[in-house]
Amino acid sequence: MTLKRVAMEFGMGTDLHGMDYTKPAVRALKDALWHNSLSMADAFGFPRDAMQVDVLIGVAQPDKVDREEVAAVLPYGSAKVIVEHGGLDIEKENGDTTVMANAAAVVYFDIAEAT
């Protein structure tokens, strides 16, 4: 198997009031995906489900992200969700916190090396 990276998209998402880390992670991935109309699968003659997507999420509290909920955002392909320390927690005067997440979606296909 020879995985070749064919696309990389970035996004940002927030949760303004709830201190929910999954919600901004989902929003960040949607932001990354919904700003493009890539036709990689069609261009290479692959079914869309052949896409392998590494989803990298950065939030201040990685253990509070539901990886399955984030993966469910992808309309097709298989996902590997990796959550790392990043993003921002922005404290407010009222004791509430805004959570910011960053996302990168890296798309691969199994493409045989040219000989």
PDB file of N, CA and C in Angstrom:
ATOM      1  N   MET A   1       0.848  -1.170   0.000  1.00  0.00           N
ATOM      2  CA  MET A   1       0.000   0.000   0.000  1.00  0.00           C
ATOM      3  C   MET A   1       0.896   1.237   0.000  1.00  0.00           C
ATOM      4  N   THR A   2       0.628   2.151  -0.918  1.00  0.00           N
ATOM      5  CA  THR A   2       1.366   3.392  -1.000  1.00  0.00           C
ATOM      6  C   THR A   2       0.388   4.551  -0.876  1.00  0.00           C
ATOM      7  N   LEU A   3       0.291   5.111   0.316  1.00  0.00           N
ATOM      8  CA  LEU A   3      -0.617   6.230   0.535  1.00  0.00           C
ATOM      9  C   LEU A   3       0.042   7.517   0.053  1.00  0.00           C
ATOM     10  N   LYS A   4      -0.697   8.275  -0.751  1.00  0.00           N
ATOM     11  CA  LYS A   4      -0.219   9.561  -1.257  1.00  0.00           C
ATOM     12  C   LYS A   4      -1.171  10.657  -0.780  1.00  0.00           C
ATOM     13  N   ARG A   5      -0.605  11.669  -0.180  1.00  0.00           N
ATOM     14  CA  ARG A   5      -1.419  12.810   0.243  1.00  0.00           C
ATOM     15  C   ARG A   5      -1.819  13.599  -0.995  1.00  0.00           C
ATOM     16  N   VAL A   6      -3.129  13.848  -1.121  1.00  0.00           N
ATOM     17  CA  VAL A   6      -3.626  14.570  -2.282  1.00  0.00           C
ATOM     18  C   VAL A   6      -4.302  15.892  -1.915  1.00  0.00           C
ATOM     19  N   ALA A   7      -4.604  16.091  -0.649  1.00  0.00           N
ATOM     20  CA  ALA A   7      -5.245  17.349  -0.240  1.00  0.00           C
ATOM     21  C   ALA A   7      -5.060  17.570   1.247  1.00  0.00           C
ATOM     22  N   MET A   8      -5.065  18.851   1.628  1.00  0.00           N
ATOM     23  CA  MET A   8      -5.026  19.215   3.036  1.00  0.00           C
ATOM     24  C   MET A   8      -5.842  20.490   3.183  1.00  0.00           C
ATOM     25  N   GLU A   9      -6.807  20.454   4.096  1.00  0.00           N
ATOM     26  CA  GLU A   9      -7.676  21.604   4.342  1.00  0.00           C
ATOM     27  C   GLU A   9      -7.654  21.948   5.819  1.00  0.00           C
ATOM     28  N   PHE A  10      -7.885  23.226   6.152  1.00  0.00           N
ATOM     29  CA  PHE A  10      -7.816  23.692   7.529  1.00  0.00           C
ATOM     30  C   PHE A  10      -9.094  24.415   7.917  1.00  0.00           C
ATOM     31  N   GLY A  11      -9.441  24.333   9.214  1.00  0.00           N
ATOM     32  CA  GLY A  11     -10.623  25.029   9.682  1.00  0.00           C
ATOM     33  C   GLY A  11     -10.516  25.398  11.150  1.00  0.00           C
ATOM     34  N   MET A  12     -11.464  26.232  11.595  1.00  0.00           N
ATOM     35  CA  MET A  12     -11.521  26.697  12.972  1.00  0.00           C
ATOM     36  C   MET A  12     -12.978  26.672  13.413  1.00  0.00           C
ATOM     37  N   GLY A  13     -13.195  26.294  14.678  1.00  0.00           N
ATOM     38  CA  GLY A  13     -14.540  26.288  15.227  1.00  0.00           C
ATOM     39  C   GLY A  13     -14.522  26.733  16.674  1.00  0.00           C
ATOM     40  N   THR A  14     -15.676  27.250  17.145  1.00  0.00           N
ATOM     41  CA  THR A  14     -15.755  27.719  18.525  1.00  0.00           C
ATOM     42  C   THR A  14     -17.020  27.216  19.201  1.00  0.00           C
ATOM     43  N   ASP A  15     -16.972  27.190  20.512  1.00  0.00           N
ATOM     44  CA  ASP A  15     -18.147  27.038  21.369  1.00  0.00           C
ATOM     45  C   ASP A  15     -18.095  28.234  22.307  1.00  0.00           C
ATOM     46  N   LEU A  16     -19.044  29.145  22.147  1.00  0.00           N
ATOM     47  CA  LEU A  16     -18.978  30.424  22.857  1.00  0.00           C
ATOM     48  C   LEU A  16     -19.326  30.334  24.330  1.00  0.00           C
ATOM     49  N   HIS A  17     -20.193  29.363  24.711  1.00  0.00           N
ATOM     50  CA  HIS A  17     -20.696  29.367  26.081  1.00  0.00           C
ATOM     51  C   HIS A  17     -20.623  28.035  26.819  1.00  0.00           C
ATOM     52  N   GLY A  18     -20.602  26.918  26.136  1.00  0.00           N
ATOM     53  CA  GLY A  18     -20.860  25.649  26.799  1.00  0.00           C
ATOM     54  C   GLY A  18     -19.680  24.882  27.349  1.00  0.00           C
ATOM     55  N   MET A  19     -18.452  25.339  27.107  1.00  0.00           N
ATOM     56  CA  MET A  19     -17.250  24.579  27.499  1.00  0.00           C
ATOM     57  C   MET A  19     -17.297  23.148  26.952  1.00  0.00           C
ATOM     58  N   ASP A  20     -17.869  23.006  25.769  1.00  0.00           N
ATOM     59  CA  ASP A  20     -17.962  21.719  25.087  1.00  0.00           C
ATOM     60  C   ASP A  20     -16.810  21.668  24.092  1.00  0.00           C
ATOM     61  N   TYR A  21     -15.979  20.654  24.162  1.00  0.00           N
ATOM     62  CA  TYR A  21     -14.816  20.572  23.279  1.00  0.00           C
ATOM     63  C   TYR A  21     -15.112  19.841  21.977  1.00  0.00           C
ATOM     64  N   THR A  22     -16.140  19.009  21.973  1.00  0.00           N
ATOM     65  CA  THR A  22     -16.505  18.301  20.743  1.00  0.00           C
ATOM     66  C   THR A  22     -17.158  19.247  19.754  1.00  0.00           C
ATOM     67  N   LYS A  23     -18.040  20.111  20.228  1.00  0.00           N
ATOM     68  CA  LYS A  23     -18.766  21.027  19.339  1.00  0.00           C
ATOM     69  C   LYS A  23     -17.819  21.888  18.495  1.00  0.00           C
ATOM     70  N   PRO A  24     -16.823  22.540  19.069  1.00  0.00           N
ATOM     71  CA  PRO A  24     -15.929  23.326  18.213  1.00  0.00           C
ATOM     72  C   PRO A  24     -15.033  22.455  17.331  1.00  0.00           C
ATOM     73  N   ALA A  25     -14.720  21.240  17.782  1.00  0.00           N
ATOM     74  CA  ALA A  25     -13.938  20.331  16.936  1.00  0.00           C
ATOM     75  C   ALA A  25     -14.734  19.964  15.690  1.00  0.00           C
ATOM     76  N   VAL A  26     -16.028  19.658  15.871  1.00  0.00           N
ATOM     77  CA  VAL A  26     -16.907  19.353  14.736  1.00  0.00           C
ATOM     78  C   VAL A  26     -17.018  20.569  13.824  1.00  0.00           C
ATOM     79  N   ARG A  27     -17.213  21.724  14.410  1.00  0.00           N
ATOM     80  CA  ARG A  27     -17.337  22.950  13.609  1.00  0.00           C
ATOM     81  C   ARG A  27     -16.051  23.253  12.839  1.00  0.00           C
ATOM     82  N   ALA A  28     -14.904  22.996  13.447  1.00  0.00           N
ATOM     83  CA  ALA A  28     -13.624  23.232  12.775  1.00  0.00           C
ATOM     84  C   ALA A  28     -13.455  22.302  11.579  1.00  0.00           C
ATOM     85  N   LEU A  29     -13.829  21.036  11.739  1.00  0.00           N
ATOM     86  CA  LEU A  29     -13.731  20.099  10.617  1.00  0.00           C
ATOM     87  C   LEU A  29     -14.704  20.492   9.504  1.00  0.00           C
ATOM     88  N   LYS A  30     -15.923  20.867   9.875  1.00  0.00           N
ATOM     89  CA  LYS A  30     -16.881  21.328   8.858  1.00  0.00           C
ATOM     90  C   LYS A  30     -16.345  22.550   8.130  1.00  0.00           C
ATOM     91  N   ASP A  31     -15.735  23.475   8.871  1.00  0.00           N
ATOM     92  CA  ASP A  31     -15.147  24.661   8.270  1.00  0.00           C
ATOM     93  C   ASP A  31     -14.091  24.264   7.238  1.00  0.00           C
ATOM     94  N   ALA A  32     -13.274  23.291   7.586  1.00  0.00           N
ATOM     95  CA  ALA A  32     -12.230  22.830   6.661  1.00  0.00           C
ATOM     96  C   ALA A  32     -12.834  22.185   5.416  1.00  0.00           C
ATOM     97  N   LEU A  33     -13.845  21.369   5.602  1.00  0.00           N
ATOM     98  CA  LEU A  33     -14.406  20.613   4.478  1.00  0.00           C
ATOM     99  C   LEU A  33     -15.339  21.425   3.600  1.00  0.00           C
ATOM    100  N   TRP A  34     -16.114  22.281   4.182  1.00  0.00           N
ATOM    101  CA  TRP A  34     -17.180  22.951   3.448  1.00  0.00           C
ATOM    102  C   TRP A  34     -16.668  24.137   2.633  1.00  0.00           C
ATOM    103  N   HIS A  35     -15.384  24.445   2.727  1.00  0.00           N
ATOM    104  CA  HIS A  35     -14.827  25.538   1.934  1.00  0.00           C
ATOM    105  C   HIS A  35     -14.166  25.049   0.655  1.00  0.00           C
ATOM    106  N   ASN A  36     -14.424  23.827   0.292  1.00  0.00           N
ATOM    107  CA  ASN A  36     -13.804  23.325  -0.926  1.00  0.00           C
ATOM    108  C   ASN A  36     -14.783  22.429  -1.670  1.00  0.00           C
ATOM    109  N   SER A  37     -14.443  22.160  -2.874  1.00  0.00           N
ATOM    110  CA  SER A  37     -15.201  21.210  -3.680  1.00  0.00           C
ATOM    111  C   SER A  37     -14.187  20.368  -4.446  1.00  0.00           C
ATOM    112  N   LEU A  38     -13.450  19.583  -3.695  1.00  0.00           N
ATOM    113  CA  LEU A  38     -12.404  18.764  -4.305  1.00  0.00           C
ATOM    114  C   LEU A  38     -13.013  17.572  -5.025  1.00  0.00           C
ATOM    115  N   SER A  39     -12.470  17.271  -6.169  1.00  0.00           N
ATOM    116  CA  SER A  39     -12.955  16.119  -6.933  1.00  0.00           C
ATOM    117  C   SER A  39     -11.822  15.118  -7.141  1.00  0.00           C
ATOM    118  N   MET A  40     -11.031  14.920  -6.094  1.00  0.00           N
ATOM    119  CA  MET A  40      -9.866  14.037  -6.178  1.00  0.00           C
ATOM    120  C   MET A  40     -10.247  12.610  -6.554  1.00  0.00           C
ATOM    121  N   ALA A  41     -11.279  12.077  -5.912  1.00  0.00           N
ATOM    122  CA  ALA A  41     -11.660  10.692  -6.182  1.00  0.00           C
ATOM    123  C   ALA A  41     -11.986  10.517  -7.655  1.00  0.00           C
ATOM    124  N   ASP A  42     -12.804  11.410  -8.173  1.00  0.00           N
ATOM    125  CA  ASP A  42     -13.179  11.325  -9.585  1.00  0.00           C
ATOM    126  C   ASP A  42     -11.968  11.511 -10.497  1.00  0.00           C
ATOM    127  N   ALA A  43     -11.086  12.437 -10.146  1.00  0.00           N
ATOM    128  CA  ALA A  43      -9.907  12.713 -10.971  1.00  0.00           C
ATOM    129  C   ALA A  43      -8.990  11.498 -11.074  1.00  0.00           C
ATOM    130  N   PHE A  44      -8.882  10.732  -9.971  1.00  0.00           N
ATOM    131  CA  PHE A  44      -8.019   9.547  -9.966  1.00  0.00           C
ATOM    132  C   PHE A  44      -8.761   8.270 -10.328  1.00  0.00           C
ATOM    133  N   GLY A  45     -10.072   8.362 -10.526  1.00  0.00           N
ATOM    134  CA  GLY A  45     -10.859   7.183 -10.877  1.00  0.00           C
ATOM    135  C   GLY A  45     -11.140   6.262  -9.700  1.00  0.00           C
ATOM    136  N   PHE A  46     -11.122   6.809  -8.476  1.00  0.00           N
ATOM    137  CA  PHE A  46     -11.396   6.025  -7.273  1.00  0.00           C
ATOM    138  C   PHE A  46     -12.817   6.283  -6.792  1.00  0.00           C
ATOM    139  N   PRO A  47     -13.409   5.310  -6.129  1.00  0.00           N
ATOM    140  CA  PRO A  47     -14.671   5.610  -5.443  1.00  0.00           C
ATOM    141  C   PRO A  47     -14.375   6.555  -4.279  1.00  0.00           C
ATOM    142  N   ARG A  48     -15.332   7.383  -3.921  1.00  0.00           N
ATOM    143  CA  ARG A  48     -15.117   8.348  -2.840  1.00  0.00           C
ATOM    144  C   ARG A  48     -14.798   7.669  -1.514  1.00  0.00           C
ATOM    145  N   ASP A  49     -15.330   6.478  -1.300  1.00  0.00           N
ATOM    146  CA  ASP A  49     -15.061   5.768  -0.054  1.00  0.00           C
ATOM    147  C   ASP A  49     -13.620   5.286   0.053  1.00  0.00           C
ATOM    148  N   ALA A  50     -12.849   5.387  -1.041  1.00  0.00           N
ATOM    149  CA  ALA A  50     -11.436   4.992  -1.002  1.00  0.00           C
ATOM    150  C   ALA A  50     -10.572   6.046  -0.319  1.00  0.00           C
ATOM    151  N   MET A  51     -11.144   7.232  -0.053  1.00  0.00           N
ATOM    152  CA  MET A  51     -10.388   8.282   0.636  1.00  0.00           C
ATOM    153  C   MET A  51     -10.053   7.852   2.054  1.00  0.00           C
ATOM    154  N   GLN A  52      -8.837   8.102   2.447  1.00  0.00           N
ATOM    155  CA  GLN A  52      -8.427   7.904   3.833  1.00  0.00           C
ATOM    156  C   GLN A  52      -8.079   9.284   4.368  1.00  0.00           C
ATOM    157  N   VAL A  53      -8.767   9.683   5.439  1.00  0.00           N
ATOM    158  CA  VAL A  53      -8.633  11.047   5.937  1.00  0.00           C
ATOM    159  C   VAL A  53      -8.093  11.037   7.362  1.00  0.00           C
ATOM    160  N   ASP A  54      -6.968  11.703   7.549  1.00  0.00           N
ATOM    161  CA  ASP A  54      -6.458  11.951   8.891  1.00  0.00           C
ATOM    162  C   ASP A  54      -7.040  13.289   9.329  1.00  0.00           C
ATOM    163  N   VAL A  55      -7.791  13.275  10.415  1.00  0.00           N
ATOM    164  CA  VAL A  55      -8.372  14.497  10.962  1.00  0.00           C
ATOM    165  C   VAL A  55      -7.576  14.842  12.216  1.00  0.00           C
ATOM    166  N   LEU A  56      -6.913  15.977  12.179  1.00  0.00           N
ATOM    167  CA  LEU A  56      -6.117  16.430  13.318  1.00  0.00           C
ATOM    168  C   LEU A  56      -6.867  17.589  13.967  1.00  0.00           C
ATOM    169  N   ILE A  57      -7.143  17.454  15.258  1.00  0.00           N
ATOM    170  CA  ILE A  57      -7.868  18.472  16.006  1.00  0.00           C
ATOM    171  C   ILE A  57      -6.962  19.000  17.106  1.00  0.00           C
ATOM    172  N   GLY A  58      -6.945  20.319  17.287  1.00  0.00           N
ATOM    173  CA  GLY A  58      -6.212  20.940  18.382  1.00  0.00           C
ATOM    174  C   GLY A  58      -7.176  21.665  19.299  1.00  0.00           C
ATOM    175  N   VAL A  59      -7.238  21.253  20.561  1.00  0.00           N
ATOM    176  CA  VAL A  59      -8.046  21.915  21.592  1.00  0.00           C
ATOM    177  C   VAL A  59      -7.251  21.917  22.896  1.00  0.00           C
ATOM    178  N   ALA A  60      -7.658  22.787  23.811  1.00  0.00           N
ATOM    179  CA  ALA A  60      -6.939  22.906  25.077  1.00  0.00           C
ATOM    180  C   ALA A  60      -7.101  21.675  25.965  1.00  0.00           C
ATOM    181  N   GLN A  61      -8.217  20.948  25.819  1.00  0.00           N
ATOM    182  CA  GLN A  61      -8.447  19.749  26.631  1.00  0.00           C
ATOM    183  C   GLN A  61      -8.809  18.579  25.701  1.00  0.00           C
ATOM    184  N   PRO A  62      -7.806  17.958  25.088  1.00  0.00           N
ATOM    185  CA  PRO A  62      -8.036  16.918  24.081  1.00  0.00           C
ATOM    186  C   PRO A  62      -8.881  15.743  24.557  1.00  0.00           C
ATOM    187  N   ASP A  63      -8.782  15.377  25.831  1.00  0.00           N
ATOM    188  CA  ASP A  63      -9.516  14.212  26.333  1.00  0.00           C
ATOM    189  C   ASP A  63     -11.025  14.447  26.390  1.00  0.00           C
ATOM    190  N   LYS A  64     -11.479  15.667  26.149  1.00  0.00           N
ATOM    191  CA  LYS A  64     -12.909  15.974  26.204  1.00  0.00           C
ATOM    192  C   LYS A  64     -13.575  15.978  24.819  1.00  0.00           C
ATOM    193  N   VAL A  65     -12.850  15.532  23.782  1.00  0.00           N
ATOM    194  CA  VAL A  65     -13.397  15.488  22.427  1.00  0.00           C
ATOM    195  C   VAL A  65     -13.876  14.075  22.114  1.00  0.00           C
ATOM    196  N   ASP A  66     -15.113  13.970  21.617  1.00  0.00           N
ATOM    197  CA  ASP A  66     -15.679  12.698  21.174  1.00  0.00           C
ATOM    198  C   ASP A  66     -15.210  12.458  19.738  1.00  0.00           C
ATOM    199  N   ARG A  67     -14.216  11.598  19.577  1.00  0.00           N
ATOM    200  CA  ARG A  67     -13.618  11.342  18.263  1.00  0.00           C
ATOM    201  C   ARG A  67     -14.619  10.767  17.265  1.00  0.00           C
ATOM    202  N   GLU A  68     -15.519   9.929  17.737  1.00  0.00           N
ATOM    203  CA  GLU A  68     -16.514   9.331  16.837  1.00  0.00           C
ATOM    204  C   GLU A  68     -17.446  10.389  16.267  1.00  0.00           C
ATOM    205  N   GLU A  69     -17.834  11.351  17.090  1.00  0.00           N
ATOM    206  CA  GLU A  69     -18.705  12.429  16.610  1.00  0.00           C
ATOM    207  C   GLU A  69     -17.978  13.281  15.570  1.00  0.00           C
ATOM    208  N   VAL A  70     -16.708  13.523  15.782  1.00  0.00           N
ATOM    209  CA  VAL A  70     -15.916  14.279  14.804  1.00  0.00           C
ATOM    210  C   VAL A  70     -15.812  13.483  13.499  1.00  0.00           C
ATOM    211  N   ALA A  71     -15.508  12.206  13.570  1.00  0.00           N
ATOM    212  CA  ALA A  71     -15.373  11.370  12.368  1.00  0.00           C
ATOM    213  C   ALA A  71     -16.672  11.312  11.578  1.00  0.00           C
ATOM    214  N   ALA A  72     -17.810  11.387  12.265  1.00  0.00           N
ATOM    215  CA  ALA A  72     -19.118  11.299  11.602  1.00  0.00           C
ATOM    216  C   ALA A  72     -19.386  12.481  10.678  1.00  0.00           C
ATOM    217  N   VAL A  73     -18.594  13.551  10.790  1.00  0.00           N
ATOM    218  CA  VAL A  73     -18.756  14.707   9.913  1.00  0.00           C
ATOM    219  C   VAL A  73     -18.397  14.364   8.467  1.00  0.00           C
ATOM    220  N   LEU A  74     -17.444  13.466   8.285  1.00  0.00           N
ATOM    221  CA  LEU A  74     -16.983  13.146   6.929  1.00  0.00           C
ATOM    222  C   LEU A  74     -18.100  12.474   6.127  1.00  0.00           C
ATOM    223  N   PRO A  75     -18.393  12.984   4.941  1.00  0.00           N
ATOM    224  CA  PRO A  75     -19.472  12.399   4.147  1.00  0.00           C
ATOM    225  C   PRO A  75     -19.109  11.043   3.544  1.00  0.00           C
ATOM    226  N   TYR A  76     -17.830  10.779   3.365  1.00  0.00           N
ATOM    227  CA  TYR A  76     -17.365   9.491   2.847  1.00  0.00           C
ATOM    228  C   TYR A  76     -15.889   9.337   3.157  1.00  0.00           C
ATOM    229  N   GLY A  77     -15.392   8.146   2.907  1.00  0.00           N
ATOM    230  CA  GLY A  77     -14.007   7.850   3.234  1.00  0.00           C
ATOM    231  C   GLY A  77     -13.891   7.324   4.649  1.00  0.00           C
ATOM    232  N   SER A  78     -12.684   6.897   4.998  1.00  0.00           N
ATOM    233  CA  SER A  78     -12.452   6.419   6.362  1.00  0.00           C
ATOM    234  C   SER A  78     -11.618   7.458   7.106  1.00  0.00           C
ATOM    235  N   ALA A  79     -11.950   7.626   8.387  1.00  0.00           N
ATOM    236  CA  ALA A  79     -11.303   8.674   9.165  1.00  0.00           C
ATOM    237  C   ALA A  79     -10.461   8.112  10.280  1.00  0.00           C
ATOM    238  N   LYS A  80      -9.340   8.763  10.520  1.00  0.00           N
ATOM    239  CA  LYS A  80      -8.541   8.550  11.728  1.00  0.00           C
ATOM    240  C   LYS A  80      -8.481   9.912  12.404  1.00  0.00           C
ATOM    241  N   VAL A  81      -9.100  10.025  13.584  1.00  0.00           N
ATOM    242  CA  VAL A  81      -9.164  11.305  14.298  1.00  0.00           C
ATOM    243  C   VAL A  81      -8.090  11.327  15.377  1.00  0.00           C
ATOM    244  N   ILE A  82      -7.239  12.323  15.306  1.00  0.00           N
ATOM    245  CA  ILE A  82      -6.159  12.518  16.267  1.00  0.00           C
ATOM    246  C   ILE A  82      -6.407  13.858  16.948  1.00  0.00           C
ATOM    247  N   VAL A  83      -6.513  13.847  18.273  1.00  0.00           N
ATOM    248  CA  VAL A  83      -6.774  15.078  19.010  1.00  0.00           C
ATOM    249  C   VAL A  83      -5.544  15.400  19.851  1.00  0.00           C
ATOM    250  N   GLU A  84      -5.041  16.605  19.669  1.00  0.00           N
ATOM    251  CA  GLU A  84      -3.827  17.041  20.351  1.00  0.00           C
ATOM    252  C   GLU A  84      -4.083  18.334  21.110  1.00  0.00           C
ATOM    253  N   HIS A  85      -3.160  18.661  21.997  1.00  0.00           N
ATOM    254  CA  HIS A  85      -3.264  19.917  22.728  1.00  0.00           C
ATOM    255  C   HIS A  85      -3.030  21.072  21.761  1.00  0.00           C
ATOM    256  N   GLY A  86      -3.936  22.040  21.782  1.00  0.00           N
ATOM    257  CA  GLY A  86      -3.842  23.206  20.906  1.00  0.00           C
ATOM    258  C   GLY A  86      -5.059  24.081  21.118  1.00  0.00           C
ATOM    259  N   GLY A  87      -5.459  24.806  20.100  1.00  0.00           N
ATOM    260  CA  GLY A  87      -6.626  25.662  20.215  1.00  0.00           C
ATOM    261  C   GLY A  87      -6.461  26.691  21.323  1.00  0.00           C
ATOM    262  N   LEU A  88      -7.597  27.194  21.817  1.00  0.00           N
ATOM    263  CA  LEU A  88      -7.573  28.197  22.875  1.00  0.00           C
ATOM    264  C   LEU A  88      -8.773  28.047  23.795  1.00  0.00           C
ATOM    265  N   ASP A  89      -8.570  28.292  25.052  1.00  0.00           N
ATOM    266  CA  ASP A  89      -9.653  28.513  26.014  1.00  0.00           C
ATOM    267  C   ASP A  89      -9.573  29.990  26.378  1.00  0.00           C
ATOM    268  N   ILE A  90     -10.654  30.720  26.139  1.00  0.00           N
ATOM    269  CA  ILE A  90     -10.664  32.156  26.391  1.00  0.00           C
ATOM    270  C   ILE A  90     -11.656  32.434  27.518  1.00  0.00           C
ATOM    271  N   GLU A  91     -11.133  32.767  28.688  1.00  0.00           N
ATOM    272  CA  GLU A  91     -11.986  33.008  29.852  1.00  0.00           C
ATOM    273  C   GLU A  91     -12.661  34.361  29.740  1.00  0.00           C
ATOM    274  N   LYS A  92     -13.922  34.402  30.213  1.00  0.00           N
ATOM    275  CA  LYS A  92     -14.696  35.644  30.200  1.00  0.00           C
ATOM    276  C   LYS A  92     -14.861  36.155  31.632  1.00  0.00           C
ATOM    277  N   GLU A  93     -15.255  37.394  31.748  1.00  0.00           N
ATOM    278  CA  GLU A  93     -15.426  38.008  33.064  1.00  0.00           C
ATOM    279  C   GLU A  93     -16.496  37.317  33.905  1.00  0.00           C
ATOM    280  N   ASN A  94     -17.493  36.716  33.251  1.00  0.00           N
ATOM    281  CA  ASN A  94     -18.593  36.076  33.986  1.00  0.00           C
ATOM    282  C   ASN A  94     -18.264  34.654  34.427  1.00  0.00           C
ATOM    283  N   GLY A  95     -17.029  34.222  34.230  1.00  0.00           N
ATOM    284  CA  GLY A  95     -16.628  32.880  34.630  1.00  0.00           C
ATOM    285  C   GLY A  95     -16.812  31.834  33.544  1.00  0.00           C
ATOM    286  N   ASP A  96     -17.465  32.206  32.449  1.00  0.00           N
ATOM    287  CA  ASP A  96     -17.668  31.301  31.314  1.00  0.00           C
ATOM    288  C   ASP A  96     -16.381  31.250  30.484  1.00  0.00           C
ATOM    289  N   THR A  97     -16.279  30.286  29.616  1.00  0.00           N
ATOM    290  CA  THR A  97     -15.099  30.145  28.760  1.00  0.00           C
ATOM    291  C   THR A  97     -15.524  29.850  27.332  1.00  0.00           C
ATOM    292  N   THR A  98     -14.919  30.535  26.401  1.00  0.00           N
ATOM    293  CA  THR A  98     -15.086  30.229  24.982  1.00  0.00           C
ATOM    294  C   THR A  98     -13.988  29.256  24.583  1.00  0.00           C
ATOM    295  N   VAL A  99     -14.376  28.194  23.888  1.00  0.00           N
ATOM    296  CA  VAL A  99     -13.433  27.167  23.450  1.00  0.00           C
ATOM    297  C   VAL A  99     -13.226  27.303  21.947  1.00  0.00           C
ATOM    298  N   MET A 100     -11.972  27.349  21.531  1.00  0.00           N
ATOM    299  CA  MET A 100     -11.632  27.409  20.114  1.00  0.00           C
ATOM    300  C   MET A 100     -10.860  26.153  19.727  1.00  0.00           C
ATOM    301  N   ALA A 101     -11.251  25.565  18.594  1.00  0.00           N
ATOM    302  CA  ALA A 101     -10.582  24.367  18.077  1.00  0.00           C
ATOM    303  C   ALA A 101     -10.044  24.648  16.679  1.00  0.00           C
ATOM    304  N   ASN A 102      -8.942  24.021  16.352  1.00  0.00           N
ATOM    305  CA  ASN A 102      -8.385  24.046  15.003  1.00  0.00           C
ATOM    306  C   ASN A 102      -8.456  22.642  14.442  1.00  0.00           C
ATOM    307  N   ALA A 103      -8.643  22.550  13.124  1.00  0.00           N
ATOM    308  CA  ALA A 103      -8.713  21.239  12.476  1.00  0.00           C
ATOM    309  C   ALA A 103      -7.904  21.247  11.185  1.00  0.00           C
ATOM    310  N   ALA A 104      -7.321  20.099  10.895  1.00  0.00           N
ATOM    311  CA  ALA A 104      -6.710  19.850   9.593  1.00  0.00           C
ATOM    312  C   ALA A 104      -7.257  18.519   9.097  1.00  0.00           C
ATOM    313  N   ALA A 105      -7.710  18.501   7.867  1.00  0.00           N
ATOM    314  CA  ALA A 105      -8.159  17.266   7.227  1.00  0.00           C
ATOM    315  C   ALA A 105      -7.166  16.954   6.118  1.00  0.00           C
ATOM    316  N   VAL A 106      -6.476  15.827   6.256  1.00  0.00           N
ATOM    317  CA  VAL A 106      -5.454  15.433   5.296  1.00  0.00           C
ATOM    318  C   VAL A 106      -5.962  14.189   4.571  1.00  0.00           C
ATOM    319  N   VAL A 107      -6.119  14.308   3.248  1.00  0.00           N
ATOM    320  CA  VAL A 107      -6.734  13.261   2.435  1.00  0.00           C
ATOM    321  C   VAL A 107      -5.668  12.469   1.694  1.00  0.00           C
ATOM    322  N   TYR A 108      -5.792  11.150   1.778  1.00  0.00           N
ATOM    323  CA  TYR A 108      -4.864  10.232   1.110  1.00  0.00           C
ATOM    324  C   TYR A 108      -5.638   9.247   0.233  1.00  0.00           C
ATOM    325  N   PHE A 109      -4.970   8.770  -0.819  1.00  0.00           N
ATOM    326  CA  PHE A 109      -5.440   7.632  -1.601  1.00  0.00           C
ATOM    327  C   PHE A 109      -4.309   6.624  -1.692  1.00  0.00           C
ATOM    328  N   ASP A 110      -4.675   5.373  -1.827  1.00  0.00           N
ATOM    329  CA  ASP A 110      -3.694   4.317  -2.046  1.00  0.00           C
ATOM    330  C   ASP A 110      -3.372   4.310  -3.532  1.00  0.00           C
ATOM    331  N   ILE A 111      -2.234   4.899  -3.870  1.00  0.00           N
ATOM    332  CA  ILE A 111      -1.827   5.040  -5.274  1.00  0.00           C
ATOM    333  C   ILE A 111      -0.509   4.308  -5.454  1.00  0.00           C
ATOM    334  N   ALA A 112      -0.485   3.387  -6.385  1.00  0.00           N
ATOM    335  CA  ALA A 112       0.725   2.618  -6.640  1.00  0.00           C
ATOM    336  C   ALA A 112       1.819   3.534  -7.206  1.00  0.00           C
ATOM    337  N   GLU A 113       3.039   3.297  -6.770  1.00  0.00           N
ATOM    338  CA  GLU A 113       4.173   4.057  -7.263  1.00  0.00           C
ATOM    339  C   GLU A 113       4.389   3.744  -8.737  1.00  0.00           C
ATOM    340  N   ALA A 114       4.718   4.774  -9.508  1.00  0.00           N
ATOM    341  CA  ALA A 114       5.045   4.564 -10.926  1.00  0.00           C
ATOM    342  C   ALA A 114       6.395   3.866 -10.997  1.00  0.00           C
ATOM    343  N   THR A 115       6.520   2.926 -11.893  1.00  0.00           N
ATOM    344  CA  THR A 115       7.802   2.218 -12.035  1.00  0.00           C
ATOM    345  C   THR A 115       8.475   2.552 -13.340  1.00  0.00           C
TER     346      THR A 115
END
